[in-house]
Amino acid sequence: MKTLDEYMAMPYRMEVVEDKDEGGFVVSYPDLPGCITCGETVEKAIENALDAKRTWLETAIEDGVEINEPDDLEDYSGQFKLRIPRSLHRLLAEHSKREGISMNQYCVYLLSRNDAVYSK
């Protein structure tokens, strides 16, 4: 098991979300289940998040809980193969041509647009 300082130095992804109902901001670490806090400003929320992360890690180490290491972008190539119906392939090719971009760029645009809708 690593030391607290080693875990604290790891690049854990932090998610900051505005709390429109209560005001302020909520911060969590997806790789550290239950590690969540908030603050009235983004700056205060992030400051609180660093404290929450340290406390979460200290407790996990003391209790012998397995601590996930953060995802590394190097683990992802940025490529995947996808089989689609020929009719959809044709539509995507036509739409991307109309937009003046490659079909790959058009598909990335569609995926990111759709992902943004579901991540809210």
PDB file of N, CA and C in Angstrom:
ATOM      1  N   MET A   1       0.844  -1.185   0.000  1.00  0.00           N
ATOM      2  CA  MET A   1       0.000   0.000   0.000  1.00  0.00           C
ATOM      3  C   MET A   1       0.887   1.245   0.000  1.00  0.00           C
ATOM      4  N   LYS A   2       0.445   2.247  -0.717  1.00  0.00           N
ATOM      5  CA  LYS A   2       1.195   3.498  -0.819  1.00  0.00           C
ATOM      6  C   LYS A   2       0.976   4.353   0.435  1.00  0.00           C
ATOM      7  N   THR A   3       1.800   5.376   0.568  1.00  0.00           N
ATOM      8  CA  THR A   3       1.642   6.306   1.687  1.00  0.00           C
ATOM      9  C   THR A   3       0.582   7.349   1.340  1.00  0.00           C
ATOM     10  N   LEU A   4       0.141   8.061   2.362  1.00  0.00           N
ATOM     11  CA  LEU A   4      -0.835   9.130   2.155  1.00  0.00           C
ATOM     12  C   LEU A   4      -0.310  10.168   1.164  1.00  0.00           C
ATOM     13  N   ASP A   5       0.947  10.567   1.331  1.00  0.00           N
ATOM     14  CA  ASP A   5       1.528  11.566   0.427  1.00  0.00           C
ATOM     15  C   ASP A   5       1.580  11.072  -1.017  1.00  0.00           C
ATOM     16  N   GLU A   6       1.854   9.781  -1.199  1.00  0.00           N
ATOM     17  CA  GLU A   6       1.888   9.223  -2.554  1.00  0.00           C
ATOM     18  C   GLU A   6       0.491   9.264  -3.189  1.00  0.00           C
ATOM     19  N   TYR A   7      -0.525   8.895  -2.405  1.00  0.00           N
ATOM     20  CA  TYR A   7      -1.897   8.972  -2.933  1.00  0.00           C
ATOM     21  C   TYR A   7      -2.306  10.419  -3.196  1.00  0.00           C
ATOM     22  N   MET A   8      -1.952  11.325  -2.303  1.00  0.00           N
ATOM     23  CA  MET A   8      -2.313  12.736  -2.476  1.00  0.00           C
ATOM     24  C   MET A   8      -1.680  13.328  -3.735  1.00  0.00           C
ATOM     25  N   ALA A   9      -0.521  12.833  -4.121  1.00  0.00           N
ATOM     26  CA  ALA A   9       0.178  13.350  -5.301  1.00  0.00           C
ATOM     27  C   ALA A   9      -0.399  12.809  -6.613  1.00  0.00           C
ATOM     28  N   MET A  10      -1.220  11.767  -6.517  1.00  0.00           N
ATOM     29  CA  MET A  10      -1.786  11.175  -7.739  1.00  0.00           C
ATOM     30  C   MET A  10      -2.845  12.091  -8.343  1.00  0.00           C
ATOM     31  N   PRO A  11      -2.945  12.075  -9.677  1.00  0.00           N
ATOM     32  CA  PRO A  11      -3.878  12.977 -10.366  1.00  0.00           C
ATOM     33  C   PRO A  11      -5.319  12.455 -10.400  1.00  0.00           C
ATOM     34  N   TYR A  12      -5.964  12.411  -9.235  1.00  0.00           N
ATOM     35  CA  TYR A  12      -7.359  11.975  -9.188  1.00  0.00           C
ATOM     36  C   TYR A  12      -8.232  13.027  -9.869  1.00  0.00           C
ATOM     37  N   ARG A  13      -9.153  12.550 -10.702  1.00  0.00           N
ATOM     38  CA  ARG A  13     -10.068  13.450 -11.409  1.00  0.00           C
ATOM     39  C   ARG A  13     -11.085  14.005 -10.427  1.00  0.00           C
ATOM     40  N   MET A  14     -11.254  15.311 -10.479  1.00  0.00           N
ATOM     41  CA  MET A  14     -12.175  16.007  -9.600  1.00  0.00           C
ATOM     42  C   MET A  14     -13.338  16.523 -10.449  1.00  0.00           C
ATOM     43  N   GLU A  15     -14.565  16.272 -10.011  1.00  0.00           N
ATOM     44  CA  GLU A  15     -15.740  16.785 -10.718  1.00  0.00           C
ATOM     45  C   GLU A  15     -16.367  17.893  -9.891  1.00  0.00           C
ATOM     46  N   VAL A  16     -16.541  19.059 -10.510  1.00  0.00           N
ATOM     47  CA  VAL A  16     -17.148  20.208  -9.851  1.00  0.00           C
ATOM     48  C   VAL A  16     -18.470  20.493 -10.553  1.00  0.00           C
ATOM     49  N   VAL A  17     -19.564  20.523  -9.773  1.00  0.00           N
ATOM     50  CA  VAL A  17     -20.896  20.734 -10.328  1.00  0.00           C
ATOM     51  C   VAL A  17     -21.578  21.842  -9.536  1.00  0.00           C
ATOM     52  N   GLU A  18     -22.175  22.779 -10.250  1.00  0.00           N
ATOM     53  CA  GLU A  18     -22.925  23.846  -9.589  1.00  0.00           C
ATOM     54  C   GLU A  18     -24.208  23.271  -8.985  1.00  0.00           C
ATOM     55  N   ASP A  19     -24.481  23.635  -7.747  1.00  0.00           N
ATOM     56  CA  ASP A  19     -25.713  23.199  -7.087  1.00  0.00           C
ATOM     57  C   ASP A  19     -26.753  24.299  -7.261  1.00  0.00           C
ATOM     58  N   LYS A  20     -27.597  24.151  -8.256  1.00  0.00           N
ATOM     59  CA  LYS A  20     -28.566  25.195  -8.592  1.00  0.00           C
ATOM     60  C   LYS A  20     -29.696  25.292  -7.573  1.00  0.00           C
ATOM     61  N   ASP A  21     -29.950  24.217  -6.837  1.00  0.00           N
ATOM     62  CA  ASP A  21     -31.027  24.235  -5.840  1.00  0.00           C
ATOM     63  C   ASP A  21     -30.587  24.915  -4.539  1.00  0.00           C
ATOM     64  N   GLU A  22     -29.438  24.509  -4.031  1.00  0.00           N
ATOM     65  CA  GLU A  22     -28.960  25.007  -2.735  1.00  0.00           C
ATOM     66  C   GLU A  22     -27.978  26.171  -2.876  1.00  0.00           C
ATOM     67  N   GLY A  23     -27.407  26.337  -4.070  1.00  0.00           N
ATOM     68  CA  GLY A  23     -26.361  27.338  -4.262  1.00  0.00           C
ATOM     69  C   GLY A  23     -24.999  26.735  -3.986  1.00  0.00           C
ATOM     70  N   GLY A  24     -23.976  27.354  -4.478  1.00  0.00           N
ATOM     71  CA  GLY A  24     -22.623  26.864  -4.284  1.00  0.00           C
ATOM     72  C   GLY A  24     -22.258  25.773  -5.270  1.00  0.00           C
ATOM     73  N   PHE A  25     -21.255  24.983  -4.904  1.00  0.00           N
ATOM     74  CA  PHE A  25     -20.715  23.966  -5.795  1.00  0.00           C
ATOM     75  C   PHE A  25     -20.451  22.674  -5.021  1.00  0.00           C
ATOM     76  N   VAL A  26     -20.680  21.557  -5.697  1.00  0.00           N
ATOM     77  CA  VAL A  26     -20.426  20.236  -5.131  1.00  0.00           C
ATOM     78  C   VAL A  26     -19.227  19.644  -5.856  1.00  0.00           C
ATOM     79  N   VAL A  27     -18.312  19.057  -5.093  1.00  0.00           N
ATOM     80  CA  VAL A  27     -17.107  18.466  -5.674  1.00  0.00           C
ATOM     81  C   VAL A  27     -17.007  17.007  -5.233  1.00  0.00           C
ATOM     82  N   SER A  28     -16.668  16.151  -6.195  1.00  0.00           N
ATOM     83  CA  SER A  28     -16.469  14.736  -5.871  1.00  0.00           C
ATOM     84  C   SER A  28     -15.273  14.202  -6.654  1.00  0.00           C
ATOM     85  N   TYR A  29     -14.790  13.050  -6.195  1.00  0.00           N
ATOM     86  CA  TYR A  29     -13.714  12.327  -6.867  1.00  0.00           C
ATOM     87  C   TYR A  29     -14.295  10.981  -7.311  1.00  0.00           C
ATOM     88  N   PRO A  30     -14.569  10.791  -8.600  1.00  0.00           N
ATOM     89  CA  PRO A  30     -15.193   9.551  -9.057  1.00  0.00           C
ATOM     90  C   PRO A  30     -14.429   8.278  -8.689  1.00  0.00           C
ATOM     91  N   ASP A  31     -13.113   8.347  -8.579  1.00  0.00           N
ATOM     92  CA  ASP A  31     -12.323   7.159  -8.254  1.00  0.00           C
ATOM     93  C   ASP A  31     -12.268   6.875  -6.749  1.00  0.00           C
ATOM     94  N   LEU A  32     -12.810   7.796  -5.941  1.00  0.00           N
ATOM     95  CA  LEU A  32     -12.818   7.630  -4.489  1.00  0.00           C
ATOM     96  C   LEU A  32     -14.275   7.652  -4.028  1.00  0.00           C
ATOM     97  N   PRO A  33     -14.949   6.502  -4.045  1.00  0.00           N
ATOM     98  CA  PRO A  33     -16.387   6.442  -3.762  1.00  0.00           C
ATOM     99  C   PRO A  33     -16.764   7.089  -2.427  1.00  0.00           C
ATOM    100  N   GLY A  34     -17.713   8.017  -2.501  1.00  0.00           N
ATOM    101  CA  GLY A  34     -18.195   8.688  -1.300  1.00  0.00           C
ATOM    102  C   GLY A  34     -17.389   9.900  -0.899  1.00  0.00           C
ATOM    103  N   CYS A  35     -16.327  10.197  -1.606  1.00  0.00           N
ATOM    104  CA  CYS A  35     -15.514  11.380  -1.301  1.00  0.00           C
ATOM    105  C   CYS A  35     -16.162  12.568  -2.003  1.00  0.00           C
ATOM    106  N   ILE A  36     -16.918  13.343  -1.224  1.00  0.00           N
ATOM    107  CA  ILE A  36     -17.700  14.435  -1.792  1.00  0.00           C
ATOM    108  C   ILE A  36     -17.772  15.571  -0.778  1.00  0.00           C
ATOM    109  N   THR A  37     -17.800  16.795  -1.261  1.00  0.00           N
ATOM    110  CA  THR A  37     -17.899  17.960  -0.391  1.00  0.00           C
ATOM    111  C   THR A  37     -18.511  19.106  -1.189  1.00  0.00           C
ATOM    112  N   CYS A  38     -18.582  20.280  -0.581  1.00  0.00           N
ATOM    113  CA  CYS A  38     -19.163  21.429  -1.281  1.00  0.00           C
ATOM    114  C   CYS A  38     -18.531  22.713  -0.765  1.00  0.00           C
ATOM    115  N   GLY A  39     -18.908  23.811  -1.392  1.00  0.00           N
ATOM    116  CA  GLY A  39     -18.439  25.132  -0.990  1.00  0.00           C
ATOM    117  C   GLY A  39     -19.269  26.197  -1.658  1.00  0.00           C
ATOM    118  N   GLU A  40     -19.265  27.396  -1.074  1.00  0.00           N
ATOM    119  CA  GLU A  40     -20.080  28.484  -1.621  1.00  0.00           C
ATOM    120  C   GLU A  40     -19.521  29.023  -2.937  1.00  0.00           C
ATOM    121  N   THR A  41     -18.203  28.950  -3.113  1.00  0.00           N
ATOM    122  CA  THR A  41     -17.563  29.368  -4.362  1.00  0.00           C
ATOM    123  C   THR A  41     -16.783  28.185  -4.916  1.00  0.00           C
ATOM    124  N   VAL A  42     -16.395  28.279  -6.189  1.00  0.00           N
ATOM    125  CA  VAL A  42     -15.593  27.210  -6.781  1.00  0.00           C
ATOM    126  C   VAL A  42     -14.283  27.067  -6.009  1.00  0.00           C
ATOM    127  N   GLU A  43     -13.671  28.190  -5.687  1.00  0.00           N
ATOM    128  CA  GLU A  43     -12.394  28.155  -4.984  1.00  0.00           C
ATOM    129  C   GLU A  43     -12.521  27.460  -3.624  1.00  0.00           C
ATOM    130  N   LYS A  44     -13.579  27.810  -2.869  1.00  0.00           N
ATOM    131  CA  LYS A  44     -13.789  27.207  -1.553  1.00  0.00           C
ATOM    132  C   LYS A  44     -14.134  25.720  -1.687  1.00  0.00           C
ATOM    133  N   ALA A  45     -14.926  25.380  -2.710  1.00  0.00           N
ATOM    134  CA  ALA A  45     -15.291  23.976  -2.934  1.00  0.00           C
ATOM    135  C   ALA A  45     -14.048  23.139  -3.229  1.00  0.00           C
ATOM    136  N   ILE A  46     -13.142  23.661  -4.040  1.00  0.00           N
ATOM    137  CA  ILE A  46     -11.908  22.939  -4.369  1.00  0.00           C
ATOM    138  C   ILE A  46     -11.014  22.825  -3.141  1.00  0.00           C
ATOM    139  N   GLU A  47     -10.920  23.893  -2.366  1.00  0.00           N
ATOM    140  CA  GLU A  47     -10.145  23.841  -1.120  1.00  0.00           C
ATOM    141  C   GLU A  47     -10.713  22.760  -0.193  1.00  0.00           C
ATOM    142  N   ASN A  48     -12.041  22.739  -0.055  1.00  0.00           N
ATOM    143  CA  ASN A  48     -12.692  21.726   0.782  1.00  0.00           C
ATOM    144  C   ASN A  48     -12.482  20.321   0.213  1.00  0.00           C
ATOM    145  N   ALA A  49     -12.448  20.225  -1.116  1.00  0.00           N
ATOM    146  CA  ALA A  49     -12.271  18.923  -1.763  1.00  0.00           C
ATOM    147  C   ALA A  49     -10.894  18.337  -1.443  1.00  0.00           C
ATOM    148  N   LEU A  50      -9.886  19.177  -1.409  1.00  0.00           N
ATOM    149  CA  LEU A  50      -8.542  18.685  -1.076  1.00  0.00           C
ATOM    150  C   LEU A  50      -8.507  18.157   0.362  1.00  0.00           C
ATOM    151  N   ASP A  51      -9.196  18.854   1.269  1.00  0.00           N
ATOM    152  CA  ASP A  51      -9.286  18.379   2.656  1.00  0.00           C
ATOM    153  C   ASP A  51     -10.064  17.063   2.725  1.00  0.00           C
ATOM    154  N   ALA A  52     -11.178  16.993   1.982  1.00  0.00           N
ATOM    155  CA  ALA A  52     -11.998  15.776   1.977  1.00  0.00           C
ATOM    156  C   ALA A  52     -11.210  14.602   1.407  1.00  0.00           C
ATOM    157  N   LYS A  53     -10.438  14.856   0.362  1.00  0.00           N
ATOM    158  CA  LYS A  53      -9.621  13.804  -0.253  1.00  0.00           C
ATOM    159  C   LYS A  53      -8.603  13.279   0.759  1.00  0.00           C
ATOM    160  N   ARG A  54      -7.936  14.183   1.454  1.00  0.00           N
ATOM    161  CA  ARG A  54      -6.927  13.781   2.450  1.00  0.00           C
ATOM    162  C   ARG A  54      -7.592  12.947   3.555  1.00  0.00           C
ATOM    163  N   THR A  55      -8.732  13.411   4.052  1.00  0.00           N
ATOM    164  CA  THR A  55      -9.431  12.689   5.120  1.00  0.00           C
ATOM    165  C   THR A  55      -9.907  11.326   4.636  1.00  0.00           C
ATOM    166  N   TRP A  56     -10.456  11.281   3.414  1.00  0.00           N
ATOM    167  CA  TRP A  56     -10.940  10.020   2.846  1.00  0.00           C
ATOM    168  C   TRP A  56      -9.785   9.024   2.740  1.00  0.00           C
ATOM    169  N   LEU A  57      -8.654   9.489   2.212  1.00  0.00           N
ATOM    170  CA  LEU A  57      -7.493   8.609   2.028  1.00  0.00           C
ATOM    171  C   LEU A  57      -6.934   8.146   3.376  1.00  0.00           C
ATOM    172  N   GLU A  58      -6.823   9.063   4.352  1.00  0.00           N
ATOM    173  CA  GLU A  58      -6.327   8.691   5.685  1.00  0.00           C
ATOM    174  C   GLU A  58      -7.194   7.583   6.290  1.00  0.00           C
ATOM    175  N   THR A  59      -8.500   7.764   6.201  1.00  0.00           N
ATOM    176  CA  THR A  59      -9.422   6.779   6.765  1.00  0.00           C
ATOM    177  C   THR A  59      -9.310   5.443   6.041  1.00  0.00           C
ATOM    178  N   ALA A  60      -9.223   5.488   4.720  1.00  0.00           N
ATOM    179  CA  ALA A  60      -9.106   4.247   3.939  1.00  0.00           C
ATOM    180  C   ALA A  60      -7.822   3.502   4.290  1.00  0.00           C
ATOM    181  N   ILE A  61      -6.736   4.232   4.436  1.00  0.00           N
ATOM    182  CA  ILE A  61      -5.461   3.602   4.798  1.00  0.00           C
ATOM    183  C   ILE A  61      -5.558   2.973   6.191  1.00  0.00           C
ATOM    184  N   GLU A  62      -6.109   3.730   7.149  1.00  0.00           N
ATOM    185  CA  GLU A  62      -6.255   3.221   8.520  1.00  0.00           C
ATOM    186  C   GLU A  62      -7.139   1.977   8.580  1.00  0.00           C
ATOM    187  N   ASP A  63      -8.209   1.971   7.783  1.00  0.00           N
ATOM    188  CA  ASP A  63      -9.165   0.852   7.805  1.00  0.00           C
ATOM    189  C   ASP A  63      -8.774  -0.291   6.873  1.00  0.00           C
ATOM    190  N   GLY A  64      -7.685  -0.122   6.131  1.00  0.00           N
ATOM    191  CA  GLY A  64      -7.246  -1.156   5.202  1.00  0.00           C
ATOM    192  C   GLY A  64      -8.151  -1.319   3.990  1.00  0.00           C
ATOM    193  N   VAL A  65      -8.851  -0.247   3.627  1.00  0.00           N
ATOM    194  CA  VAL A  65      -9.752  -0.270   2.467  1.00  0.00           C
ATOM    195  C   VAL A  65      -8.913  -0.150   1.198  1.00  0.00           C
ATOM    196  N   GLU A  66      -9.278  -0.936   0.190  1.00  0.00           N
ATOM    197  CA  GLU A  66      -8.569  -0.841  -1.093  1.00  0.00           C
ATOM    198  C   GLU A  66      -8.825   0.525  -1.713  1.00  0.00           C
ATOM    199  N   ILE A  67      -7.765   1.183  -2.144  1.00  0.00           N
ATOM    200  CA  ILE A  67      -7.866   2.512  -2.735  1.00  0.00           C
ATOM    201  C   ILE A  67      -7.602   2.400  -4.234  1.00  0.00           C
ATOM    202  N   ASN A  68      -8.587   2.824  -5.015  1.00  0.00           N
ATOM    203  CA  ASN A  68      -8.422   2.824  -6.471  1.00  0.00           C
ATOM    204  C   ASN A  68      -7.416   3.891  -6.881  1.00  0.00           C
ATOM    205  N   GLU A  69      -6.574   3.548  -7.844  1.00  0.00           N
ATOM    206  CA  GLU A  69      -5.687   4.560  -8.401  1.00  0.00           C
ATOM    207  C   GLU A  69      -6.417   5.252  -9.538  1.00  0.00           C
ATOM    208  N   PRO A  70      -6.075   6.505  -9.819  1.00  0.00           N
ATOM    209  CA  PRO A  70      -6.801   7.230 -10.861  1.00  0.00           C
ATOM    210  C   PRO A  70      -6.579   6.627 -12.246  1.00  0.00           C
ATOM    211  N   ASP A  71      -7.598   6.795 -13.080  1.00  0.00           N
ATOM    212  CA  ASP A  71      -7.453   6.383 -14.474  1.00  0.00           C
ATOM    213  C   ASP A  71      -6.315   7.158 -15.113  1.00  0.00           C
ATOM    214  N   ASP A  72      -5.625   6.511 -16.029  1.00  0.00           N
ATOM    215  CA  ASP A  72      -4.538   7.148 -16.759  1.00  0.00           C
ATOM    216  C   ASP A  72      -4.946   7.231 -18.224  1.00  0.00           C
ATOM    217  N   LEU A  73      -4.912   8.417 -18.805  1.00  0.00           N
ATOM    218  CA  LEU A  73      -5.300   8.567 -20.210  1.00  0.00           C
ATOM    219  C   LEU A  73      -4.445   7.722 -21.137  1.00  0.00           C
ATOM    220  N   GLU A  74      -3.259   7.342 -20.684  1.00  0.00           N
ATOM    221  CA  GLU A  74      -2.395   6.491 -21.498  1.00  0.00           C
ATOM    222  C   GLU A  74      -3.012   5.113 -21.716  1.00  0.00           C
ATOM    223  N   ASP A  75      -3.991   4.754 -20.860  1.00  0.00           N
ATOM    224  CA  ASP A  75      -4.660   3.462 -20.994  1.00  0.00           C
ATOM    225  C   ASP A  75      -5.672   3.449 -22.139  1.00  0.00           C
ATOM    226  N   TYR A  76      -5.914   4.605 -22.729  1.00  0.00           N
ATOM    227  CA  TYR A  76      -6.924   4.726 -23.778  1.00  0.00           C
ATOM    228  C   TYR A  76      -6.267   5.191 -25.075  1.00  0.00           C
ATOM    229  N   SER A  77      -6.515   4.463 -26.159  1.00  0.00           N
ATOM    230  CA  SER A  77      -5.880   4.792 -27.437  1.00  0.00           C
ATOM    231  C   SER A  77      -6.623   5.891 -28.183  1.00  0.00           C
ATOM    232  N   GLY A  78      -7.891   6.119 -27.851  1.00  0.00           N
ATOM    233  CA  GLY A  78      -8.679   7.093 -28.596  1.00  0.00           C
ATOM    234  C   GLY A  78      -9.329   6.458 -29.815  1.00  0.00           C
ATOM    235  N   GLN A  79      -9.262   5.147 -29.915  1.00  0.00           N
ATOM    236  CA  GLN A  79      -9.839   4.450 -31.069  1.00  0.00           C
ATOM    237  C   GLN A  79     -10.688   3.280 -30.596  1.00  0.00           C
ATOM    238  N   PHE A  80     -11.774   3.036 -31.325  1.00  0.00           N
ATOM    239  CA  PHE A  80     -12.539   1.819 -31.145  1.00  0.00           C
ATOM    240  C   PHE A  80     -13.275   1.533 -32.447  1.00  0.00           C
ATOM    241  N   LYS A  81     -13.516   0.274 -32.691  1.00  0.00           N
ATOM    242  CA  LYS A  81     -14.213  -0.118 -33.917  1.00  0.00           C
ATOM    243  C   LYS A  81     -15.686  -0.270 -33.613  1.00  0.00           C
ATOM    244  N   LEU A  82     -16.492   0.120 -34.584  1.00  0.00           N
ATOM    245  CA  LEU A  82     -17.929   0.066 -34.405  1.00  0.00           C
ATOM    246  C   LEU A  82     -18.575  -0.388 -35.705  1.00  0.00           C
ATOM    247  N   ARG A  83     -19.341  -1.440 -35.635  1.00  0.00           N
ATOM    248  CA  ARG A  83     -20.081  -1.911 -36.806  1.00  0.00           C
ATOM    249  C   ARG A  83     -21.457  -1.266 -36.786  1.00  0.00           C
ATOM    250  N   ILE A  84     -21.840  -0.696 -37.910  1.00  0.00           N
ATOM    251  CA  ILE A  84     -23.139  -0.028 -38.015  1.00  0.00           C
ATOM    252  C   ILE A  84     -23.829  -0.477 -39.298  1.00  0.00           C
ATOM    253  N   PRO A  85     -25.142  -0.328 -39.358  1.00  0.00           N
ATOM    254  CA  PRO A  85     -25.846  -0.685 -40.595  1.00  0.00           C
ATOM    255  C   PRO A  85     -25.366   0.183 -41.767  1.00  0.00           C
ATOM    256  N   ARG A  86     -25.399  -0.371 -42.953  1.00  0.00           N
ATOM    257  CA  ARG A  86     -24.942   0.358 -44.144  1.00  0.00           C
ATOM    258  C   ARG A  86     -25.743   1.633 -44.359  1.00  0.00           C
ATOM    259  N   SER A  87     -27.030   1.579 -44.052  1.00  0.00           N
ATOM    260  CA  SER A  87     -27.865   2.772 -44.248  1.00  0.00           C
ATOM    261  C   SER A  87     -27.428   3.911 -43.318  1.00  0.00           C
ATOM    262  N   LEU A  88     -27.054   3.585 -42.086  1.00  0.00           N
ATOM    263  CA  LEU A  88     -26.563   4.605 -41.161  1.00  0.00           C
ATOM    264  C   LEU A  88     -25.210   5.129 -41.625  1.00  0.00           C
ATOM    265  N   HIS A  89     -24.366   4.248 -42.116  1.00  0.00           N
ATOM    266  CA  HIS A  89     -23.059   4.652 -42.647  1.00  0.00           C
ATOM    267  C   HIS A  89     -23.251   5.678 -43.772  1.00  0.00           C
ATOM    268  N   ARG A  90     -24.201   5.371 -44.662  1.00  0.00           N
ATOM    269  CA  ARG A  90     -24.479   6.287 -45.771  1.00  0.00           C
ATOM    270  C   ARG A  90     -24.948   7.647 -45.245  1.00  0.00           C
ATOM    271  N   LEU A  91     -25.879   7.649 -44.276  1.00  0.00           N
ATOM    272  CA  LEU A  91     -26.383   8.908 -43.725  1.00  0.00           C
ATOM    273  C   LEU A  91     -25.270   9.723 -43.063  1.00  0.00           C
ATOM    274  N   LEU A  92     -24.422   9.058 -42.303  1.00  0.00           N
ATOM    275  CA  LEU A  92     -23.310   9.754 -41.651  1.00  0.00           C
ATOM    276  C   LEU A  92     -22.353  10.346 -42.680  1.00  0.00           C
ATOM    277  N   ALA A  93     -22.082   9.586 -43.731  1.00  0.00           N
ATOM    278  CA  ALA A  93     -21.194  10.075 -44.798  1.00  0.00           C
ATOM    279  C   ALA A  93     -21.809  11.289 -45.487  1.00  0.00           C
ATOM    280  N   GLU A  94     -23.104  11.231 -45.758  1.00  0.00           N
ATOM    281  CA  GLU A  94     -23.789  12.356 -46.421  1.00  0.00           C
ATOM    282  C   GLU A  94     -23.799  13.601 -45.540  1.00  0.00           C
ATOM    283  N   HIS A  95     -24.117  13.424 -44.265  1.00  0.00           N
ATOM    284  CA  HIS A  95     -24.170  14.571 -43.349  1.00  0.00           C
ATOM    285  C   HIS A  95     -22.792  15.203 -43.161  1.00  0.00           C
ATOM    286  N   SER A  96     -21.773  14.382 -43.019  1.00  0.00           N
ATOM    287  CA  SER A  96     -20.433  14.930 -42.824  1.00  0.00           C
ATOM    288  C   SER A  96     -19.963  15.657 -44.079  1.00  0.00           C
ATOM    289  N   LYS A  97     -20.322  15.138 -45.252  1.00  0.00           N
ATOM    290  CA  LYS A  97     -19.955  15.810 -46.507  1.00  0.00           C
ATOM    291  C   LYS A  97     -20.637  17.169 -46.585  1.00  0.00           C
ATOM    292  N   ARG A  98     -21.921  17.208 -46.197  1.00  0.00           N
ATOM    293  CA  ARG A  98     -22.665  18.470 -46.207  1.00  0.00           C
ATOM    294  C   ARG A  98     -22.046  19.491 -45.254  1.00  0.00           C
ATOM    295  N   GLU A  99     -21.501  19.021 -44.137  1.00  0.00           N
ATOM    296  CA  GLU A  99     -20.860  19.904 -43.157  1.00  0.00           C
ATOM    297  C   GLU A  99     -19.431  20.263 -43.556  1.00  0.00           C
ATOM    298  N   GLY A 100     -18.889  19.548 -44.533  1.00  0.00           N
ATOM    299  CA  GLY A 100     -17.530  19.839 -44.994  1.00  0.00           C
ATOM    300  C   GLY A 100     -16.454  19.319 -44.056  1.00  0.00           C
ATOM    301  N   ILE A 101     -16.773  18.251 -43.316  1.00  0.00           N
ATOM    302  CA  ILE A 101     -15.791  17.653 -42.410  1.00  0.00           C
ATOM    303  C   ILE A 101     -15.743  16.146 -42.654  1.00  0.00           C
ATOM    304  N   SER A 102     -14.722  15.510 -42.113  1.00  0.00           N
ATOM    305  CA  SER A 102     -14.613  14.065 -42.283  1.00  0.00           C
ATOM    306  C   SER A 102     -15.720  13.369 -41.490  1.00  0.00           C
ATOM    307  N   MET A 103     -16.019  12.154 -41.872  1.00  0.00           N
ATOM    308  CA  MET A 103     -17.028  11.398 -41.150  1.00  0.00           C
ATOM    309  C   MET A 103     -16.560  11.150 -39.715  1.00  0.00           C
ATOM    310  N   ASN A 104     -15.277  10.937 -39.523  1.00  0.00           N
ATOM    311  CA  ASN A 104     -14.727  10.739 -38.180  1.00  0.00           C
ATOM    312  C   ASN A 104     -14.994  11.974 -37.311  1.00  0.00           C
ATOM    313  N   GLN A 105     -14.708  13.158 -37.833  1.00  0.00           N
ATOM    314  CA  GLN A 105     -14.953  14.388 -37.078  1.00  0.00           C
ATOM    315  C   GLN A 105     -16.435  14.555 -36.783  1.00  0.00           C
ATOM    316  N   TYR A 106     -17.275  14.231 -37.753  1.00  0.00           N
ATOM    317  CA  TYR A 106     -18.714  14.362 -37.576  1.00  0.00           C
ATOM    318  C   TYR A 106     -19.204  13.417 -36.472  1.00  0.00           C
ATOM    319  N   CYS A 107     -18.710  12.184 -36.464  1.00  0.00           N
ATOM    320  CA  CYS A 107     -19.109  11.219 -35.435  1.00  0.00           C
ATOM    321  C   CYS A 107     -18.636  11.658 -34.053  1.00  0.00           C
ATOM    322  N   VAL A 108     -17.422  12.207 -33.956  1.00  0.00           N
ATOM    323  CA  VAL A 108     -16.920  12.711 -32.678  1.00  0.00           C
ATOM    324  C   VAL A 108     -17.820  13.853 -32.198  1.00  0.00           C
ATOM    325  N   TYR A 109     -18.212  14.728 -33.118  1.00  0.00           N
ATOM    326  CA  TYR A 109     -19.122  15.821 -32.774  1.00  0.00           C
ATOM    327  C   TYR A 109     -20.439  15.270 -32.229  1.00  0.00           C
ATOM    328  N   LEU A 110     -21.028  14.300 -32.906  1.00  0.00           N
ATOM    329  CA  LEU A 110     -22.304  13.731 -32.468  1.00  0.00           C
ATOM    330  C   LEU A 110     -22.172  13.055 -31.103  1.00  0.00           C
ATOM    331  N   LEU A 111     -21.103  12.300 -30.915  1.00  0.00           N
ATOM    332  CA  LEU A 111     -20.896  11.617 -29.642  1.00  0.00           C
ATOM    333  C   LEU A 111     -20.703  12.616 -28.500  1.00  0.00           C
ATOM    334  N   SER A 112     -19.904  13.642 -28.720  1.00  0.00           N
ATOM    335  CA  SER A 112     -19.649  14.607 -27.652  1.00  0.00           C
ATOM    336  C   SER A 112     -20.894  15.422 -27.346  1.00  0.00           C
ATOM    337  N   ARG A 113     -21.669  15.750 -28.355  1.00  0.00           N
ATOM    338  CA  ARG A 113     -22.916  16.492 -28.142  1.00  0.00           C
ATOM    339  C   ARG A 113     -23.893  15.666 -27.315  1.00  0.00           C
ATOM    340  N   ASN A 114     -24.020  14.401 -27.653  1.00  0.00           N
ATOM    341  CA  ASN A 114     -24.923  13.511 -26.932  1.00  0.00           C
ATOM    342  C   ASN A 114     -24.409  13.264 -25.513  1.00  0.00           C
ATOM    343  N   ASP A 115     -23.102  13.107 -25.353  1.00  0.00           N
ATOM    344  CA  ASP A 115     -22.531  12.873 -24.038  1.00  0.00           C
ATOM    345  C   ASP A 115     -22.779  14.062 -23.140  1.00  0.00           C
ATOM    346  N   ALA A 116     -22.690  15.275 -23.674  1.00  0.00           N
ATOM    347  CA  ALA A 116     -22.931  16.476 -22.888  1.00  0.00           C
ATOM    348  C   ALA A 116     -24.364  16.517 -22.373  1.00  0.00           C
ATOM    349  N   VAL A 117     -25.295  16.025 -23.140  1.00  0.00           N
ATOM    350  CA  VAL A 117     -26.696  15.993 -22.721  1.00  0.00           C
ATOM    351  C   VAL A 117     -26.872  15.051 -21.532  1.00  0.00           C
ATOM    352  N   TYR A 118     -26.228  13.893 -21.565  1.00  0.00           N
ATOM    353  CA  TYR A 118     -26.391  12.891 -20.508  1.00  0.00           C
ATOM    354  C   TYR A 118     -25.522  13.151 -19.290  1.00  0.00           C
ATOM    355  N   SER A 119     -24.520  14.018 -19.391  1.00  0.00           N
ATOM    356  CA  SER A 119     -23.648  14.246 -18.236  1.00  0.00           C
ATOM    357  C   SER A 119     -24.173  15.340 -17.329  1.00  0.00           C
ATOM    358  N   LYS A 120     -25.307  15.944 -17.681  1.00  0.00           N
ATOM    359  CA  LYS A 120     -25.880  17.015 -16.844  1.00  0.00           C
ATOM    360  C   LYS A 120     -26.661  16.455 -15.700  1.00  0.00           C
TER     361      LYS A 120
END
